[in-house]
Amino acid sequence: MSVYKNTMWSFLSIVGVQIINILTTIILARVLAPEYFGVLGMAMVFAGIAFVIQEAGLSSYLIYNKSNSNKLIYSTFWMNILISAILTALIWGMSPHIANLYKSNQVEEVLKYVCIGIGLGAFGSTSRALLMKENNFKKITVIDLIAEIVSSICAVIFAIYIDGILAVSTKYIMRPMIQSILSLIYKPLSIKTLFAVDLNESKKIISYSSNVLGSQLFMYANNNIDYFLVGTYLGKIQLGLYTLAFQWGSIARYYLSSAIMRVMFPEVSKLQHNLVKVKNMYLDIISKLALITLPLCIGLALVSYEFIYILYGQNWLETVRVLQVLLVAGGIASITVVGGPVLRGIGKPQVEMKISILSFCSFSLLLMIFIRYGLVAVAYTELLRVLIVESIRVLALKKYLKIEIGELVRKLMPTVKALLIMVLVIVIFDYLIVIPNVYISFISKILLGMISYGGAIYIFNKNEIEGLLHKIKFKGVKNEKNINC
């Protein structure tokens, strides 16, 4: 299966999960107060570390290494179990102290619920990594969608009939449990060789994975230090508002770009000795990614008032300005963040870790200075961090892949030109025409943005658009012939 087919399956998985998650959040936001989301955000600052380790930690070497020996597979399995057990025990034991830090007993309750999910999720992480190594993203998509649907239904039922805290926590129990069960069904592990653990393989796993894990942990800390400080200094209501804004502000970075990142790591690992192919793949992917993520983020920023009002109601309008800034930051990062798996795939995880450490340290320092000025200042701090850190990531890729700045500019300039036209059209429309009905205003701006961007991108990037349309048309004709045969 090609990188683009794998990306489409990964994209379907992440977008499908996100759509279900958004619909669930909208329902929960109508039923529950912002405080519940704030409590969850406080708890996940600490508990989310375990999920990061399960998703991208010790299993990364299994994907990177070309071998599929039983010693490698089962050494990875038991190390995942051991690390998850240690983390579960630590988080459970520390939960009262974390709750005291936030002055909220509900945080302890959420943490203990989440610990159950961490323990259950460990059993399927190795099987999931094997599916990724085999580029079997179709099965991963099925697993993720089933897990998200079932856990979301449970969350809504609990919110309406049982308890708000259980409602916001239940997805972190049900989802990893279902993912583990289905991963083991699709990629079962042999009981006969379950204890084929090798010390030398374990050392290799630790050696490679420590850099990847370090990078991911610092990246996680970087992505959650704002949650921690907002919850500590501004309170759970403000954190609830910020959580909603950040969820939408990072939609392109964490959901669209993540679909590509999941595929790129195993693909680049296979091509790690052919940097010319890696370079061409990287340039091709960021140009196509920018084509989608930049208009999505900037367009949503331009209609953010109507968007929040329609979906969440007046109580959430305080998030509008925060959301606008975070969308700009998310749009920029969505293009450059795919450089992370490229660096890991060519055997440079230590470079990615250094970038993550720099990001965490600089962001923490800036937040400590500006958090006193409120949520909008926090959002601008995130934008500044993105500009600094992502520039460094691009420079690192420039060095290792021998990319010329002119090549990057040529790939991205058509999208940037079309984006500027879209922004000008919507801003002028908003200035000249006042539409009192928020629903009509929302739809009008979306249609105007789509038409202006679509027309402009066709003019500025005609050859690539026509080539893409030709591929789709050719594939459709080919499939039709196969069906007729």
Protein backbone atom coordinates (compact mmCIF):
# COMPACT_ATOMS: atom_id res chain seq x y z
CA MET A 1 0.00 0.00 0.00
CA SER A 2 1.45 3.41 -1.04
CA VAL A 3 2.25 6.27 1.32
CA TYR A 4 -0.77 8.18 0.01
CA LYS A 5 -3.19 5.28 0.54
CA ASN A 6 -1.80 4.80 4.03
CA THR A 7 -2.14 8.52 4.65
CA MET A 8 -5.76 8.43 3.49
CA TRP A 9 -6.57 5.62 5.91
CA SER A 10 -4.70 7.39 8.71
CA PHE A 11 -6.47 10.62 7.77
CA LEU A 12 -9.85 8.86 7.83
CA SER A 13 -9.03 7.43 11.25
CA ILE A 14 -8.00 10.71 12.84
CA VAL A 15 -10.67 12.85 11.16
CA GLY A 16 -13.36 10.27 11.91
CA VAL A 17 -12.30 10.09 15.55
CA GLN A 18 -12.17 13.87 15.74
CA ILE A 19 -15.65 14.31 14.24
CA ILE A 20 -17.07 11.84 16.76
CA ASN A 21 -15.13 13.59 19.53
CA ILE A 22 -16.39 17.02 18.45
CA LEU A 23 -20.01 15.87 18.35
CA THR A 24 -19.59 14.27 21.77
CA THR A 25 -17.98 17.42 23.18
CA ILE A 26 -20.80 19.59 21.82
CA ILE A 27 -23.38 17.36 23.52
CA LEU A 28 -21.40 17.25 26.77
CA ALA A 29 -20.86 21.04 26.67
CA ARG A 30 -24.63 21.51 26.44
CA VAL A 31 -25.21 19.16 29.39
CA LEU A 32 -22.21 19.88 31.63
CA ALA A 33 -20.68 23.12 32.95
CA PRO A 34 -17.19 24.30 31.80
CA GLU A 35 -15.78 23.29 35.21
CA TYR A 36 -15.99 19.59 34.30
CA PHE A 37 -13.80 20.12 31.25
CA GLY A 38 -11.42 22.14 33.40
CA VAL A 39 -11.12 19.28 35.91
CA LEU A 40 -10.41 16.83 33.08
CA GLY A 41 -7.78 19.18 31.67
CA MET A 42 -6.08 19.41 35.07
CA ALA A 43 -5.96 15.63 35.44
CA MET A 44 -4.78 14.93 31.89
CA VAL A 45 -1.75 17.20 32.29
CA PHE A 46 -0.29 14.36 34.39
CA ALA A 47 -2.15 11.24 33.24
CA GLY A 48 -1.60 11.92 29.55
CA ILE A 49 2.11 11.15 29.94
CA ALA A 50 1.33 7.43 30.08
CA PHE A 51 -0.70 7.57 26.86
CA VAL A 52 2.23 9.29 25.11
CA ILE A 53 4.57 6.49 26.18
CA GLN A 54 2.13 3.80 25.01
CA GLU A 55 1.56 5.46 21.63
CA ALA A 56 5.09 6.52 20.64
CA GLY A 57 7.55 5.38 23.29
CA LEU A 58 9.09 1.92 23.50
CA SER A 59 7.24 0.64 20.43
CA SER A 60 9.07 3.13 18.18
CA TYR A 61 12.14 0.88 17.89
CA LEU A 62 9.93 -2.02 16.82
CA ILE A 63 8.68 0.12 13.91
CA TYR A 64 12.14 1.51 13.09
CA ASN A 65 13.94 -1.86 13.07
CA LYS A 66 13.53 -3.97 9.92
CA SER A 67 13.59 -7.19 11.96
CA ASN A 68 10.41 -8.90 13.13
CA SER A 69 12.00 -11.45 15.45
CA ASN A 70 10.09 -12.89 18.39
CA LYS A 71 12.80 -11.63 20.74
CA LEU A 72 12.26 -8.05 19.56
CA ILE A 73 8.44 -8.26 19.62
CA TYR A 74 8.07 -9.84 23.05
CA SER A 75 10.84 -7.79 24.64
CA THR A 76 8.89 -4.73 23.49
CA PHE A 77 5.62 -6.20 24.82
CA TRP A 78 6.93 -6.83 28.35
CA MET A 79 8.76 -3.52 28.53
CA ASN A 80 5.52 -1.75 27.60
CA ILE A 81 3.67 -3.66 30.32
CA LEU A 82 6.36 -2.88 32.92
CA ILE A 83 6.59 0.84 32.13
CA SER A 84 2.78 1.22 32.05
CA ALA A 85 2.44 -0.57 35.40
CA ILE A 86 5.03 1.73 36.98
CA LEU A 87 3.34 4.84 35.58
CA THR A 88 -0.10 3.65 36.67
CA ALA A 89 1.13 3.07 40.23
CA LEU A 90 2.87 6.46 40.32
CA ILE A 91 -0.14 8.40 39.04
CA TRP A 92 -2.54 6.55 41.36
CA GLY A 93 -0.28 7.19 44.35
CA MET A 94 0.28 10.84 43.46
CA SER A 95 -3.38 11.59 42.66
CA PRO A 96 -4.23 13.00 46.14
CA HIS A 97 -1.22 15.34 45.97
CA ILE A 98 -2.07 16.46 42.44
CA ALA A 99 -5.64 17.14 43.60
CA ASN A 100 -4.29 19.23 46.49
CA LEU A 101 -2.15 21.19 44.04
CA TYR A 102 -5.29 22.21 42.14
CA LYS A 103 -7.44 22.36 45.30
CA SER A 104 -9.99 20.03 43.70
CA ASN A 105 -10.93 16.53 44.94
CA GLN A 106 -12.55 15.82 41.58
CA VAL A 107 -9.09 15.76 39.96
CA GLU A 108 -8.15 12.75 42.11
CA GLU A 109 -11.30 10.94 41.02
CA VAL A 110 -10.56 11.55 37.33
CA LEU A 111 -6.93 10.43 37.70
CA LYS A 112 -7.94 7.11 39.26
CA TYR A 113 -10.43 6.45 36.46
CA VAL A 114 -7.77 7.21 33.86
CA CYS A 115 -5.25 4.90 35.57
CA ILE A 116 -7.55 1.97 34.77
CA GLY A 117 -7.39 2.88 31.08
CA ILE A 118 -3.60 3.21 31.18
CA GLY A 119 -3.25 -0.32 32.53
CA LEU A 120 -5.65 -1.78 29.97
CA GLY A 121 -4.06 0.08 27.06
CA ALA A 122 -0.60 -1.42 27.68
CA PHE A 123 -1.65 -4.90 26.51
CA GLY A 124 -2.44 -3.80 22.95
CA SER A 125 0.34 -1.27 22.29
CA THR A 126 2.79 -3.81 20.79
CA SER A 127 0.17 -5.32 18.46
CA ARG A 128 -0.78 -1.80 17.37
CA ALA A 129 2.89 -1.00 16.62
CA LEU A 130 3.14 -4.14 14.48
CA LEU A 131 0.09 -3.06 12.49
CA MET A 132 1.75 0.33 11.92
CA LYS A 133 5.02 -1.33 10.89
CA GLU A 134 3.12 -3.39 8.32
CA ASN A 135 1.39 -0.20 7.09
CA ASN A 136 -1.95 -1.77 7.96
CA PHE A 137 -3.64 1.55 8.65
CA LYS A 138 -6.98 0.24 7.42
CA LYS A 139 -7.26 -2.05 10.46
CA ILE A 140 -6.01 0.72 12.76
CA THR A 141 -8.76 2.95 11.39
CA VAL A 142 -11.43 0.33 12.14
CA ILE A 143 -10.05 -0.14 15.66
CA ASP A 144 -9.95 3.58 16.43
CA LEU A 145 -13.41 4.34 15.06
CA ILE A 146 -15.09 1.48 16.95
CA ALA A 147 -13.32 2.48 20.18
CA GLU A 148 -14.29 6.14 19.77
CA ILE A 149 -17.95 5.42 18.95
CA VAL A 150 -18.46 3.06 21.90
CA SER A 151 -16.62 5.28 24.41
CA SER A 152 -18.47 8.40 23.20
CA ILE A 153 -21.87 6.74 23.59
CA CYS A 154 -20.93 5.74 27.14
CA ALA A 155 -19.78 9.30 27.92
CA VAL A 156 -23.07 10.84 26.79
CA ILE A 157 -25.14 8.27 28.71
CA PHE A 158 -23.14 8.89 31.89
CA ALA A 159 -23.44 12.68 31.48
CA ILE A 160 -27.22 12.55 31.14
CA TYR A 161 -28.09 9.83 33.63
CA ILE A 162 -25.23 9.25 36.08
CA ASP A 163 -22.36 11.64 36.83
CA GLY A 164 -20.46 14.45 35.08
CA ILE A 165 -17.00 13.43 36.30
CA LEU A 166 -17.52 9.84 35.17
CA ALA A 167 -18.80 11.16 31.83
CA VAL A 168 -15.63 13.13 31.01
CA SER A 169 -13.42 10.29 32.32
CA THR A 170 -15.06 7.24 30.77
CA LYS A 171 -13.51 7.68 27.31
CA TYR A 172 -10.08 7.25 28.87
CA ILE A 173 -11.15 3.87 30.24
CA MET A 174 -13.26 2.48 27.41
CA ARG A 175 -11.16 3.66 24.46
CA PRO A 176 -7.80 2.04 25.42
CA MET A 177 -9.59 -1.12 26.56
CA ILE A 178 -11.38 -1.55 23.21
CA GLN A 179 -8.24 -0.61 21.25
CA SER A 180 -6.22 -3.26 23.10
CA ILE A 181 -8.82 -5.98 22.57
CA LEU A 182 -9.21 -5.27 18.84
CA SER A 183 -5.45 -4.84 18.28
CA LEU A 184 -4.82 -8.25 19.82
CA ILE A 185 -7.59 -9.76 17.68
CA TYR A 186 -6.17 -8.28 14.45
CA LYS A 187 -2.53 -8.93 15.40
CA PRO A 188 -2.48 -11.71 18.02
CA LEU A 189 0.64 -12.52 20.00
CA SER A 190 1.67 -16.16 20.43
CA ILE A 191 1.34 -17.50 23.96
CA LYS A 192 4.07 -20.08 23.22
CA THR A 193 6.71 -17.40 22.59
CA LEU A 194 5.27 -14.80 24.95
CA PHE A 195 8.27 -15.02 27.27
CA ALA A 196 10.93 -14.86 24.54
CA VAL A 197 12.53 -11.82 26.14
CA ASP A 198 16.11 -10.96 25.19
CA LEU A 199 18.39 -8.69 27.24
CA ASN A 200 20.37 -7.45 24.22
CA GLU A 201 17.19 -6.55 22.34
CA SER A 202 15.91 -4.78 25.43
CA LYS A 203 19.08 -2.68 25.56
CA LYS A 204 18.67 -1.72 21.88
CA ILE A 205 15.03 -0.81 22.49
CA ILE A 206 15.99 1.43 25.41
CA SER A 207 18.90 3.01 23.50
CA TYR A 208 16.79 4.07 20.51
CA SER A 209 13.50 4.65 22.28
CA SER A 210 14.99 6.83 25.02
CA ASN A 211 15.64 9.62 22.51
CA VAL A 212 12.23 9.20 20.86
CA LEU A 213 10.52 8.93 24.23
CA GLY A 214 12.44 11.90 25.58
CA SER A 215 11.40 13.94 22.57
CA GLN A 216 7.74 12.90 22.91
CA LEU A 217 7.68 13.54 26.66
CA PHE A 218 9.15 17.01 26.29
CA MET A 219 6.73 17.64 23.45
CA TYR A 220 3.89 16.46 25.68
CA ALA A 221 5.10 18.63 28.56
CA ASN A 222 5.34 21.51 26.13
CA ASN A 223 1.76 20.93 24.96
CA ASN A 224 0.45 20.72 28.52
CA ILE A 225 2.43 23.27 30.51
CA ASP A 226 -0.11 25.90 29.47
CA TYR A 227 -2.94 23.69 30.80
CA PHE A 228 -1.08 23.28 34.08
CA LEU A 229 -0.35 26.99 34.56
CA VAL A 230 -3.79 28.17 33.41
CA GLY A 231 -5.45 25.71 35.80
CA THR A 232 -3.13 26.69 38.65
CA TYR A 233 -3.16 30.48 38.25
CA LEU A 234 -6.45 31.23 36.46
CA GLY A 235 -8.72 28.44 37.78
CA LYS A 236 -10.78 25.59 36.37
CA ILE A 237 -13.39 27.79 34.64
CA GLN A 238 -10.71 29.60 32.62
CA LEU A 239 -9.03 26.26 31.94
CA GLY A 240 -12.33 24.86 30.65
CA LEU A 241 -12.60 27.79 28.23
CA TYR A 242 -8.96 27.45 27.19
CA THR A 243 -9.33 23.69 26.68
CA LEU A 244 -12.13 24.23 24.18
CA ALA A 245 -10.18 26.93 22.32
CA PHE A 246 -7.03 24.81 22.21
CA GLN A 247 -8.94 21.77 20.97
CA TRP A 248 -10.12 23.69 17.91
CA GLY A 249 -6.95 25.75 17.56
CA SER A 250 -4.86 22.62 17.24
CA ILE A 251 -7.26 20.68 15.02
CA ALA A 252 -4.97 20.81 11.97
CA ARG A 253 -1.78 20.13 13.90
CA TYR A 254 -2.93 17.23 16.06
CA TYR A 255 -5.56 15.65 13.85
CA LEU A 256 -4.81 16.32 10.19
CA SER A 257 -1.01 16.46 10.36
CA SER A 258 -0.97 13.54 12.80
CA ALA A 259 -2.54 11.34 10.13
CA ILE A 260 0.48 11.97 7.93
CA MET A 261 2.98 11.76 10.80
CA ARG A 262 1.81 8.25 11.73
CA VAL A 263 2.49 7.09 8.17
CA MET A 264 5.71 9.05 7.58
CA PHE A 265 7.71 7.45 10.39
CA PRO A 266 7.53 3.86 9.05
CA GLU A 267 7.85 5.10 5.44
CA VAL A 268 10.92 7.26 6.13
CA SER A 269 12.45 4.44 8.19
CA LYS A 270 12.34 2.24 5.08
CA LEU A 271 14.02 4.98 3.00
CA GLN A 272 16.49 6.13 5.68
CA HIS A 273 19.49 5.42 3.38
CA ASN A 274 18.01 7.32 0.41
CA LEU A 275 17.79 10.92 1.61
CA VAL A 276 16.94 12.27 -1.85
CA LYS A 277 13.68 10.28 -1.84
CA VAL A 278 12.99 11.36 1.75
CA LYS A 279 13.54 15.00 0.79
CA ASN A 280 11.20 14.79 -2.21
CA MET A 281 8.57 13.02 -0.11
CA TYR A 282 8.82 15.68 2.60
CA LEU A 283 8.51 18.61 0.16
CA ASP A 284 5.60 16.98 -1.65
CA ILE A 285 3.74 16.27 1.58
CA ILE A 286 4.14 19.73 3.14
CA SER A 287 2.90 21.41 -0.06
CA LYS A 288 -0.23 19.25 -0.14
CA LEU A 289 -0.71 19.59 3.61
CA ALA A 290 -0.51 23.39 3.43
CA LEU A 291 -3.10 23.30 0.66
CA ILE A 292 -5.63 21.94 3.18
CA THR A 293 -4.59 23.01 6.68
CA LEU A 294 -3.80 26.70 6.12
CA PRO A 295 -7.19 27.67 4.63
CA LEU A 296 -8.95 25.51 7.23
CA CYS A 297 -7.22 27.23 10.17
CA ILE A 298 -7.26 30.79 8.87
CA GLY A 299 -10.80 30.42 7.54
CA LEU A 300 -12.04 29.16 10.90
CA ALA A 301 -10.28 32.07 12.62
CA LEU A 302 -12.23 34.50 10.42
CA VAL A 303 -15.60 32.97 11.39
CA SER A 304 -14.72 32.02 14.97
CA TYR A 305 -17.36 34.26 16.60
CA GLU A 306 -20.21 32.74 14.62
CA PHE A 307 -18.69 29.27 14.99
CA ILE A 308 -18.53 29.36 18.80
CA TYR A 309 -21.93 31.05 19.14
CA ILE A 310 -23.71 28.48 16.96
CA LEU A 311 -22.02 25.34 18.29
CA TYR A 312 -21.54 26.16 21.98
CA GLY A 313 -23.71 29.15 22.85
CA GLN A 314 -23.12 32.52 24.51
CA ASN A 315 -21.41 31.09 27.61
CA TRP A 316 -18.36 30.18 25.52
CA LEU A 317 -17.88 33.44 23.56
CA GLU A 318 -14.96 34.41 25.79
CA THR A 319 -12.91 31.83 23.88
CA VAL A 320 -13.22 33.61 20.50
CA ARG A 321 -10.09 35.80 20.64
CA VAL A 322 -8.08 32.98 22.18
CA LEU A 323 -9.25 30.61 19.45
CA GLN A 324 -8.29 33.02 16.67
CA VAL A 325 -4.68 33.29 17.84
CA LEU A 326 -4.37 29.54 18.46
CA LEU A 327 -5.69 28.80 14.97
CA VAL A 328 -2.93 30.90 13.40
CA ALA A 329 -0.34 29.07 15.52
CA GLY A 330 -1.90 25.71 14.68
CA GLY A 331 -1.94 26.45 10.96
CA ILE A 332 1.77 27.24 10.89
CA ALA A 333 2.73 24.24 13.04
CA SER A 334 0.55 21.86 11.02
CA ILE A 335 2.96 22.16 8.08
CA THR A 336 6.30 21.99 9.88
CA VAL A 337 5.47 19.46 12.62
CA VAL A 338 5.68 16.58 10.11
CA GLY A 339 9.44 17.10 10.25
CA GLY A 340 9.49 15.26 13.59
CA PRO A 341 8.91 11.74 12.22
CA VAL A 342 11.30 12.52 9.36
CA LEU A 343 14.12 13.21 11.82
CA ARG A 344 13.29 10.04 13.77
CA GLY A 345 13.03 7.98 10.59
CA ILE A 346 16.50 8.99 9.32
CA GLY A 347 17.99 8.03 12.68
CA LYS A 348 18.18 11.49 14.27
CA PRO A 349 15.79 11.19 17.25
CA GLN A 350 18.27 13.08 19.44
CA VAL A 351 17.83 16.19 17.25
CA GLU A 352 14.07 16.04 17.70
CA MET A 353 14.55 15.63 21.45
CA LYS A 354 16.77 18.73 21.61
CA ILE A 355 14.14 20.72 19.71
CA SER A 356 11.47 19.50 22.14
CA ILE A 357 13.60 20.46 25.16
CA LEU A 358 14.19 23.94 23.72
CA SER A 359 10.47 24.29 23.01
CA PHE A 360 9.49 23.28 26.54
CA CYS A 361 12.02 25.54 28.28
CA SER A 362 11.28 28.62 26.18
CA PHE A 363 7.49 28.15 26.36
CA SER A 364 7.54 27.62 30.13
CA LEU A 365 9.59 30.78 30.65
CA LEU A 366 7.36 32.88 28.40
CA LEU A 367 4.21 31.54 30.07
CA MET A 368 5.46 32.37 33.55
CA ILE A 369 5.96 35.95 32.39
CA PHE A 370 2.72 36.50 30.46
CA ILE A 371 0.08 34.27 32.10
CA ARG A 372 -0.86 37.06 34.52
CA TYR A 373 -2.36 38.94 31.56
CA GLY A 374 -5.01 36.28 30.87
CA LEU A 375 -5.93 33.69 28.25
CA VAL A 376 -5.30 35.88 25.21
CA ALA A 377 -1.72 36.48 26.37
CA VAL A 378 -1.30 32.71 26.80
CA ALA A 379 -2.46 32.21 23.20
CA TYR A 380 0.02 34.78 21.87
CA THR A 381 2.77 33.05 23.84
CA GLU A 382 1.91 29.80 22.05
CA LEU A 383 2.09 31.62 18.69
CA LEU A 384 5.54 32.99 19.56
CA ARG A 385 6.72 29.51 20.59
CA VAL A 386 5.55 28.04 17.30
CA LEU A 387 7.39 30.69 15.27
CA ILE A 388 10.66 30.09 17.13
CA VAL A 389 10.63 26.31 17.48
CA GLU A 390 9.23 25.40 14.07
CA SER A 391 11.81 27.65 12.40
CA ILE A 392 14.53 25.63 14.14
CA ARG A 393 12.90 22.35 13.05
CA VAL A 394 12.89 23.51 9.42
CA LEU A 395 16.56 24.52 9.68
CA ALA A 396 17.41 21.05 11.04
CA LEU A 397 15.65 19.40 8.09
CA LYS A 398 17.40 21.81 5.73
CA LYS A 399 20.72 20.59 7.12
CA TYR A 400 20.10 16.84 7.05
CA LEU A 401 18.04 16.61 3.85
CA LYS A 402 19.99 19.31 1.96
CA ILE A 403 16.84 21.35 1.31
CA GLU A 404 17.22 24.80 -0.25
CA ILE A 405 15.05 27.60 1.14
CA GLY A 406 14.02 28.40 -2.43
CA GLU A 407 12.57 24.89 -2.78
CA LEU A 408 10.40 25.40 0.30
CA VAL A 409 9.23 28.81 -0.91
CA ARG A 410 8.30 27.48 -4.35
CA LYS A 411 6.29 24.66 -2.80
CA LEU A 412 4.33 26.89 -0.39
CA MET A 413 3.99 30.20 -2.26
CA PRO A 414 0.89 29.28 -4.37
CA THR A 415 -1.02 28.37 -1.21
CA VAL A 416 0.11 31.53 0.60
CA LYS A 417 -1.02 33.75 -2.31
CA ALA A 418 -4.43 32.05 -2.48
CA LEU A 419 -4.77 32.33 1.30
CA LEU A 420 -4.11 36.09 1.26
CA ILE A 421 -6.82 36.56 -1.37
CA MET A 422 -9.30 34.55 0.72
CA VAL A 423 -8.53 36.65 3.82
CA LEU A 424 -8.92 39.94 1.92
CA VAL A 425 -12.24 38.87 0.40
CA ILE A 426 -13.75 37.81 3.76
CA VAL A 427 -12.44 40.88 5.63
CA ILE A 428 -13.80 43.28 2.98
CA PHE A 429 -17.14 41.44 2.94
CA ASP A 430 -17.35 41.62 6.75
CA TYR A 431 -16.52 45.34 6.71
CA LEU A 432 -18.95 46.37 3.95
CA ILE A 433 -21.93 44.09 4.63
CA VAL A 434 -23.57 43.76 8.06
CA ILE A 435 -25.66 40.59 8.42
CA PRO A 436 -27.63 40.56 11.69
CA ASN A 437 -28.44 36.84 11.52
CA VAL A 438 -25.44 34.90 12.85
CA TYR A 439 -26.35 31.73 10.93
CA ILE A 440 -26.59 33.49 7.56
CA SER A 441 -23.37 35.38 8.29
CA PHE A 442 -21.58 32.12 9.10
CA ILE A 443 -22.73 30.32 5.95
CA SER A 444 -22.05 33.36 3.73
CA LYS A 445 -18.47 33.74 4.93
CA ILE A 446 -17.76 30.02 4.55
CA LEU A 447 -19.08 29.93 0.98
CA LEU A 448 -17.24 33.13 0.08
CA GLY A 449 -14.01 31.78 1.56
CA MET A 450 -14.30 28.46 -0.28
CA ILE A 451 -15.02 30.12 -3.62
CA SER A 452 -12.27 32.74 -3.32
CA TYR A 453 -9.63 30.27 -2.10
CA GLY A 454 -10.64 27.57 -4.58
CA GLY A 455 -10.50 29.98 -7.52
CA ALA A 456 -7.21 31.52 -6.42
CA ILE A 457 -5.46 28.22 -5.75
CA TYR A 458 -6.51 26.95 -9.18
CA ILE A 459 -4.95 30.04 -10.79
CA PHE A 460 -1.72 29.98 -8.78
CA ASN A 461 -1.27 26.21 -8.66
CA LYS A 462 -3.02 25.10 -11.83
CA ASN A 463 -0.64 22.30 -12.86
CA GLU A 464 -0.67 20.52 -9.49
CA ILE A 465 -4.45 20.84 -9.09
CA GLU A 466 -5.09 19.50 -12.60
CA GLY A 467 -2.61 16.68 -11.98
CA LEU A 468 -4.37 15.77 -8.74
CA LEU A 469 -7.80 15.85 -10.42
CA HIS A 470 -6.44 13.72 -13.27
CA LYS A 471 -5.17 11.10 -10.80
CA ILE A 472 -8.56 10.98 -9.06
CA LYS A 473 -10.39 10.73 -12.40
CA PHE A 474 -8.02 8.05 -13.71
CA LYS A 475 -8.37 6.02 -10.52
CA GLY A 476 -12.16 6.30 -10.74
CA VAL A 477 -12.17 5.07 -14.37
CA LYS A 478 -9.79 2.24 -13.47
CA ASN A 479 -11.99 1.12 -10.58
CA GLU A 480 -15.07 1.26 -12.81
CA LYS A 481 -13.37 -0.96 -15.41
CA ASN A 482 -12.37 -3.44 -12.72
CA ILE A 483 -15.97 -3.57 -11.50
CA ASN A 484 -17.32 -4.09 -15.04
CA CYS A 485 -14.79 -6.87 -15.64
